[in-house]
Amino acid sequence: MPAPVRPDPAKVQMYWRPGCPYCAMLRRQLRRTGLSYEPVDIWKDQSGAAYVRSVNNGNETVPTVAVAGHPLTNPSARQVLEAVQRHAPHLLPETAPADAARRWRPRWPWRRTR
């Protein structure tokens, strides 16, 4: 079993796996904020899977996001942006406001907005 690799402190890394609806939702939300991040597929990257297990009591709980070495398990986009603002403000997107995740709301096809 590979040893868990410490995440890169100069990046935001999102650990995910294919077919995870929570991962897909967080990826869409992060894309809307403009925050750049490195996706790590834990099914292909064994050291990434080992890191996820090391911060989640042996479980491969995804999405797990590492912000400058600080892990977040199943966070919202707002929590990721707050962690970036706290631990690595130089990684914040310059074009999108820091509260872009706060303004995101799902739009359901059966509801009409007026």
N, C-alpha and C. Protein backbone atom coordinates (compact mmCIF):
# COMPACT_ATOMS: atom_id res chain seq x y z
N MET A 1 0.85 -1.17 0.00
CA MET A 1 0.00 0.00 0.00
C MET A 1 0.90 1.23 0.00
N PRO A 2 0.64 2.19 -0.91
CA PRO A 2 1.48 3.37 -0.97
C PRO A 2 1.24 4.27 0.23
N ALA A 3 2.27 4.98 0.60
CA ALA A 3 2.16 5.93 1.71
C ALA A 3 1.37 7.14 1.24
N PRO A 4 0.57 7.72 2.12
CA PRO A 4 -0.18 8.91 1.72
C PRO A 4 0.76 10.06 1.40
N VAL A 5 0.48 10.73 0.33
CA VAL A 5 1.29 11.85 -0.10
C VAL A 5 0.66 13.13 0.42
N ARG A 6 1.48 13.99 0.99
CA ARG A 6 0.97 15.27 1.45
C ARG A 6 0.58 16.09 0.23
N PRO A 7 -0.55 16.77 0.28
CA PRO A 7 -0.96 17.58 -0.86
C PRO A 7 -0.02 18.76 -1.06
N ASP A 8 0.00 19.25 -2.27
CA ASP A 8 0.84 20.38 -2.62
C ASP A 8 0.29 21.65 -1.96
N PRO A 9 1.09 22.35 -1.14
CA PRO A 9 0.59 23.55 -0.47
C PRO A 9 0.34 24.72 -1.41
N ALA A 10 0.81 24.62 -2.64
CA ALA A 10 0.61 25.71 -3.58
C ALA A 10 -0.61 25.50 -4.47
N LYS A 11 -1.43 24.47 -4.16
CA LYS A 11 -2.58 24.15 -5.01
C LYS A 11 -3.81 23.83 -4.17
N VAL A 12 -4.94 23.86 -4.86
CA VAL A 12 -6.18 23.30 -4.32
C VAL A 12 -6.36 21.99 -5.06
N GLN A 13 -6.46 20.90 -4.31
CA GLN A 13 -6.62 19.59 -4.92
C GLN A 13 -7.95 18.99 -4.48
N MET A 14 -8.71 18.50 -5.46
CA MET A 14 -9.99 17.86 -5.16
C MET A 14 -9.86 16.37 -5.48
N TYR A 15 -10.03 15.55 -4.45
CA TYR A 15 -9.97 14.10 -4.60
C TYR A 15 -11.39 13.61 -4.87
N TRP A 16 -11.58 12.87 -5.96
CA TRP A 16 -12.89 12.45 -6.40
C TRP A 16 -12.80 11.04 -6.97
N ARG A 17 -13.95 10.48 -7.33
CA ARG A 17 -14.01 9.21 -8.03
C ARG A 17 -15.13 9.27 -9.05
N PRO A 18 -15.02 8.53 -10.14
CA PRO A 18 -16.07 8.53 -11.16
C PRO A 18 -17.39 7.98 -10.60
N GLY A 19 -18.47 8.59 -11.02
CA GLY A 19 -19.79 8.14 -10.61
C GLY A 19 -20.28 8.74 -9.32
N CYS A 20 -19.49 9.56 -8.67
CA CYS A 20 -19.89 10.18 -7.40
C CYS A 20 -20.70 11.44 -7.68
N PRO A 21 -21.99 11.46 -7.32
CA PRO A 21 -22.80 12.65 -7.62
C PRO A 21 -22.38 13.87 -6.80
N TYR A 22 -21.87 13.66 -5.60
CA TYR A 22 -21.43 14.78 -4.78
C TYR A 22 -20.18 15.43 -5.38
N CYS A 23 -19.31 14.59 -5.95
CA CYS A 23 -18.11 15.11 -6.61
C CYS A 23 -18.50 15.92 -7.84
N ALA A 24 -19.43 15.42 -8.63
CA ALA A 24 -19.87 16.13 -9.83
C ALA A 24 -20.50 17.46 -9.47
N MET A 25 -21.30 17.49 -8.41
CA MET A 25 -21.93 18.73 -8.00
C MET A 25 -20.89 19.75 -7.54
N LEU A 26 -19.91 19.31 -6.75
CA LEU A 26 -18.88 20.24 -6.28
C LEU A 26 -18.03 20.73 -7.44
N ARG A 27 -17.72 19.87 -8.38
CA ARG A 27 -16.93 20.30 -9.54
C ARG A 27 -17.66 21.37 -10.34
N ARG A 28 -18.97 21.20 -10.54
CA ARG A 28 -19.76 22.22 -11.25
C ARG A 28 -19.74 23.53 -10.49
N GLN A 29 -19.92 23.46 -9.16
CA GLN A 29 -19.95 24.68 -8.36
C GLN A 29 -18.59 25.38 -8.37
N LEU A 30 -17.51 24.62 -8.27
CA LEU A 30 -16.18 25.23 -8.29
C LEU A 30 -15.86 25.84 -9.65
N ARG A 31 -16.34 25.19 -10.71
CA ARG A 31 -16.13 25.74 -12.05
C ARG A 31 -16.81 27.11 -12.18
N ARG A 32 -17.99 27.25 -11.58
CA ARG A 32 -18.71 28.53 -11.64
C ARG A 32 -18.01 29.63 -10.86
N THR A 33 -17.29 29.28 -9.82
CA THR A 33 -16.59 30.29 -9.02
C THR A 33 -15.33 30.80 -9.70
N GLY A 34 -14.77 30.01 -10.62
CA GLY A 34 -13.54 30.40 -11.29
C GLY A 34 -12.29 29.96 -10.56
N LEU A 35 -12.43 29.24 -9.46
CA LEU A 35 -11.29 28.76 -8.69
C LEU A 35 -10.62 27.62 -9.45
N SER A 36 -9.31 27.73 -9.64
CA SER A 36 -8.61 26.63 -10.31
C SER A 36 -8.19 25.60 -9.27
N TYR A 37 -8.34 24.34 -9.64
CA TYR A 37 -8.02 23.24 -8.74
C TYR A 37 -7.51 22.08 -9.56
N GLU A 38 -6.85 21.16 -8.89
CA GLU A 38 -6.34 19.96 -9.55
C GLU A 38 -7.21 18.78 -9.15
N PRO A 39 -7.92 18.15 -10.09
CA PRO A 39 -8.71 16.97 -9.76
C PRO A 39 -7.81 15.74 -9.66
N VAL A 40 -8.03 14.92 -8.62
CA VAL A 40 -7.26 13.70 -8.42
C VAL A 40 -8.25 12.54 -8.31
N ASP A 41 -8.24 11.66 -9.30
CA ASP A 41 -9.12 10.49 -9.32
C ASP A 41 -8.51 9.43 -8.40
N ILE A 42 -9.19 9.11 -7.30
CA ILE A 42 -8.62 8.17 -6.33
C ILE A 42 -8.63 6.74 -6.82
N TRP A 43 -9.39 6.44 -7.88
CA TRP A 43 -9.38 5.10 -8.44
C TRP A 43 -8.17 4.88 -9.33
N LYS A 44 -7.57 5.97 -9.84
CA LYS A 44 -6.38 5.85 -10.68
C LYS A 44 -5.11 6.20 -9.92
N ASP A 45 -5.21 7.05 -8.93
CA ASP A 45 -4.04 7.52 -8.18
C ASP A 45 -4.06 6.90 -6.77
N GLN A 46 -3.27 5.87 -6.57
CA GLN A 46 -3.28 5.16 -5.28
C GLN A 46 -2.75 6.02 -4.14
N SER A 47 -1.81 6.91 -4.41
CA SER A 47 -1.32 7.78 -3.35
C SER A 47 -2.41 8.79 -2.94
N GLY A 48 -3.22 9.20 -3.91
CA GLY A 48 -4.35 10.08 -3.59
C GLY A 48 -5.38 9.36 -2.74
N ALA A 49 -5.65 8.10 -3.06
CA ALA A 49 -6.58 7.30 -2.26
C ALA A 49 -6.04 7.10 -0.85
N ALA A 50 -4.73 6.90 -0.74
CA ALA A 50 -4.13 6.74 0.59
C ALA A 50 -4.23 8.02 1.39
N TYR A 51 -4.08 9.18 0.73
CA TYR A 51 -4.23 10.45 1.44
C TYR A 51 -5.66 10.62 1.94
N VAL A 52 -6.64 10.31 1.09
CA VAL A 52 -8.05 10.45 1.48
C VAL A 52 -8.35 9.55 2.68
N ARG A 53 -7.84 8.32 2.66
CA ARG A 53 -8.05 7.42 3.80
C ARG A 53 -7.36 7.96 5.06
N SER A 54 -6.21 8.59 4.91
CA SER A 54 -5.48 9.08 6.08
C SER A 54 -6.19 10.24 6.77
N VAL A 55 -6.94 11.04 6.04
CA VAL A 55 -7.64 12.18 6.66
C VAL A 55 -9.09 11.87 7.00
N ASN A 56 -9.60 10.69 6.58
CA ASN A 56 -11.00 10.35 6.81
C ASN A 56 -11.16 9.05 7.60
N ASN A 57 -10.30 8.81 8.56
CA ASN A 57 -10.39 7.65 9.45
C ASN A 57 -10.45 6.33 8.69
N GLY A 58 -9.67 6.21 7.62
CA GLY A 58 -9.62 4.96 6.87
C GLY A 58 -10.67 4.82 5.80
N ASN A 59 -11.55 5.78 5.64
CA ASN A 59 -12.62 5.72 4.64
C ASN A 59 -12.21 6.52 3.40
N GLU A 60 -12.66 6.06 2.25
CA GLU A 60 -12.42 6.80 1.01
C GLU A 60 -13.61 7.71 0.73
N THR A 61 -13.81 8.67 1.60
CA THR A 61 -14.92 9.60 1.48
C THR A 61 -14.54 10.71 0.49
N VAL A 62 -15.35 10.82 -0.55
CA VAL A 62 -15.12 11.86 -1.54
C VAL A 62 -16.39 12.66 -1.73
N PRO A 63 -16.31 13.90 -2.10
CA PRO A 63 -15.10 14.64 -2.41
C PRO A 63 -14.36 15.07 -1.14
N THR A 64 -13.06 14.97 -1.21
CA THR A 64 -12.17 15.52 -0.20
C THR A 64 -11.31 16.55 -0.90
N VAL A 65 -11.24 17.73 -0.33
CA VAL A 65 -10.49 18.82 -0.93
C VAL A 65 -9.36 19.21 0.00
N ALA A 66 -8.17 19.38 -0.55
CA ALA A 66 -7.02 19.84 0.21
C ALA A 66 -6.69 21.25 -0.24
N VAL A 67 -6.79 22.19 0.70
CA VAL A 67 -6.48 23.59 0.43
C VAL A 67 -5.20 23.92 1.19
N ALA A 68 -4.11 24.04 0.47
CA ALA A 68 -2.81 24.35 1.07
C ALA A 68 -2.50 23.39 2.22
N GLY A 69 -2.82 22.11 2.03
CA GLY A 69 -2.53 21.10 3.03
C GLY A 69 -3.60 20.92 4.09
N HIS A 70 -4.66 21.69 4.06
CA HIS A 70 -5.75 21.58 5.03
C HIS A 70 -6.91 20.81 4.39
N PRO A 71 -7.25 19.62 4.91
CA PRO A 71 -8.28 18.80 4.28
C PRO A 71 -9.70 19.24 4.66
N LEU A 72 -10.59 19.12 3.69
CA LEU A 72 -12.02 19.35 3.88
C LEU A 72 -12.75 18.13 3.31
N THR A 73 -13.61 17.52 4.10
CA THR A 73 -14.34 16.34 3.64
C THR A 73 -15.76 16.74 3.28
N ASN A 74 -16.14 16.43 2.05
CA ASN A 74 -17.47 16.71 1.50
C ASN A 74 -17.87 18.17 1.74
N PRO A 75 -17.04 19.12 1.30
CA PRO A 75 -17.36 20.53 1.55
C PRO A 75 -18.27 21.10 0.47
N SER A 76 -18.85 22.23 0.78
CA SER A 76 -19.57 22.99 -0.23
C SER A 76 -18.56 23.91 -0.92
N ALA A 77 -18.97 24.49 -2.03
CA ALA A 77 -18.08 25.43 -2.72
C ALA A 77 -17.78 26.63 -1.83
N ARG A 78 -18.74 27.04 -1.06
CA ARG A 78 -18.53 28.17 -0.15
C ARG A 78 -17.46 27.83 0.89
N GLN A 79 -17.50 26.61 1.44
CA GLN A 79 -16.50 26.21 2.42
C GLN A 79 -15.11 26.14 1.79
N VAL A 80 -15.03 25.69 0.55
CA VAL A 80 -13.74 25.64 -0.14
C VAL A 80 -13.21 27.05 -0.34
N LEU A 81 -14.06 27.97 -0.80
CA LEU A 81 -13.61 29.35 -1.00
C LEU A 81 -13.20 30.01 0.31
N GLU A 82 -13.92 29.73 1.40
CA GLU A 82 -13.54 30.28 2.69
C GLU A 82 -12.19 29.73 3.15
N ALA A 83 -11.94 28.44 2.91
CA ALA A 83 -10.66 27.84 3.27
C ALA A 83 -9.53 28.42 2.42
N VAL A 84 -9.79 28.65 1.15
CA VAL A 84 -8.78 29.27 0.29
C VAL A 84 -8.50 30.69 0.77
N GLN A 85 -9.54 31.41 1.12
CA GLN A 85 -9.36 32.78 1.61
C GLN A 85 -8.55 32.79 2.90
N ARG A 86 -8.75 31.80 3.76
CA ARG A 86 -8.07 31.74 5.05
C ARG A 86 -6.63 31.23 4.92
N HIS A 87 -6.42 30.17 4.13
CA HIS A 87 -5.12 29.50 4.11
C HIS A 87 -4.26 29.82 2.89
N ALA A 88 -4.87 30.21 1.79
CA ALA A 88 -4.10 30.49 0.57
C ALA A 88 -4.79 31.56 -0.26
N PRO A 89 -4.87 32.79 0.23
CA PRO A 89 -5.61 33.83 -0.50
C PRO A 89 -5.03 34.14 -1.87
N HIS A 90 -3.77 33.80 -2.10
CA HIS A 90 -3.17 34.04 -3.41
C HIS A 90 -3.76 33.13 -4.48
N LEU A 91 -4.48 32.10 -4.10
CA LEU A 91 -5.10 31.18 -5.06
C LEU A 91 -6.52 31.58 -5.45
N LEU A 92 -7.05 32.62 -4.83
CA LEU A 92 -8.41 33.06 -5.16
C LEU A 92 -8.47 33.54 -6.60
N PRO A 93 -9.58 33.30 -7.29
CA PRO A 93 -9.70 33.77 -8.67
C PRO A 93 -9.77 35.29 -8.71
N GLU A 94 -9.13 35.87 -9.70
CA GLU A 94 -9.12 37.33 -9.81
C GLU A 94 -10.36 37.85 -10.50
N THR A 95 -10.97 37.04 -11.37
CA THR A 95 -12.10 37.51 -12.14
C THR A 95 -13.43 37.33 -11.42
N ALA A 96 -13.56 36.30 -10.60
CA ALA A 96 -14.82 36.03 -9.91
C ALA A 96 -14.74 36.55 -8.48
N PRO A 97 -15.84 37.09 -7.95
CA PRO A 97 -15.82 37.54 -6.56
C PRO A 97 -15.69 36.37 -5.60
N ALA A 98 -15.17 36.66 -4.41
CA ALA A 98 -14.94 35.60 -3.42
C ALA A 98 -16.25 34.98 -2.93
N ASP A 99 -17.37 35.71 -3.06
CA ASP A 99 -18.64 35.16 -2.58
C ASP A 99 -19.48 34.60 -3.73
N ALA A 100 -18.86 34.16 -4.81
CA ALA A 100 -19.61 33.64 -5.95
C ALA A 100 -20.37 32.38 -5.58
N ALA A 101 -19.83 31.55 -4.72
CA ALA A 101 -20.52 30.32 -4.33
C ALA A 101 -21.77 30.63 -3.52
N ARG A 102 -21.76 31.72 -2.80
CA ARG A 102 -22.92 32.09 -1.98
C ARG A 102 -24.11 32.43 -2.87
N ARG A 103 -23.85 32.98 -4.06
CA ARG A 103 -24.93 33.39 -4.94
C ARG A 103 -25.49 32.23 -5.76
N TRP A 104 -24.81 31.10 -5.79
CA TRP A 104 -25.28 29.97 -6.60
C TRP A 104 -26.52 29.36 -5.98
N ARG A 105 -27.53 29.16 -6.80
CA ARG A 105 -28.75 28.47 -6.36
C ARG A 105 -29.16 27.52 -7.47
N PRO A 106 -29.61 26.33 -7.12
CA PRO A 106 -30.04 25.40 -8.17
C PRO A 106 -31.30 25.91 -8.85
N ARG A 107 -31.38 25.68 -10.12
CA ARG A 107 -32.59 26.06 -10.87
C ARG A 107 -33.27 24.78 -11.31
N TRP A 108 -34.42 24.57 -10.82
CA TRP A 108 -35.16 23.35 -11.12
C TRP A 108 -36.05 23.59 -12.33
N PRO A 109 -36.16 22.62 -13.23
CA PRO A 109 -36.94 22.84 -14.44
C PRO A 109 -38.43 22.98 -14.19
N TRP A 110 -38.93 22.46 -13.10
CA TRP A 110 -40.36 22.53 -12.86
C TRP A 110 -40.77 23.78 -12.08
N ARG A 111 -39.81 24.58 -11.68
CA ARG A 111 -40.12 25.84 -11.00
C ARG A 111 -39.88 26.99 -11.95
N ARG A 112 -40.79 27.89 -11.92
CA ARG A 112 -40.64 29.08 -12.76
C ARG A 112 -40.24 30.24 -11.87
N THR A 113 -39.27 30.98 -12.31
CA THR A 113 -38.86 32.17 -11.57
C THR A 113 -39.43 33.39 -12.26
N ARG A 114 -39.91 34.31 -11.49
CA ARG A 114 -40.50 35.53 -12.08
C ARG A 114 -39.71 36.73 -11.70
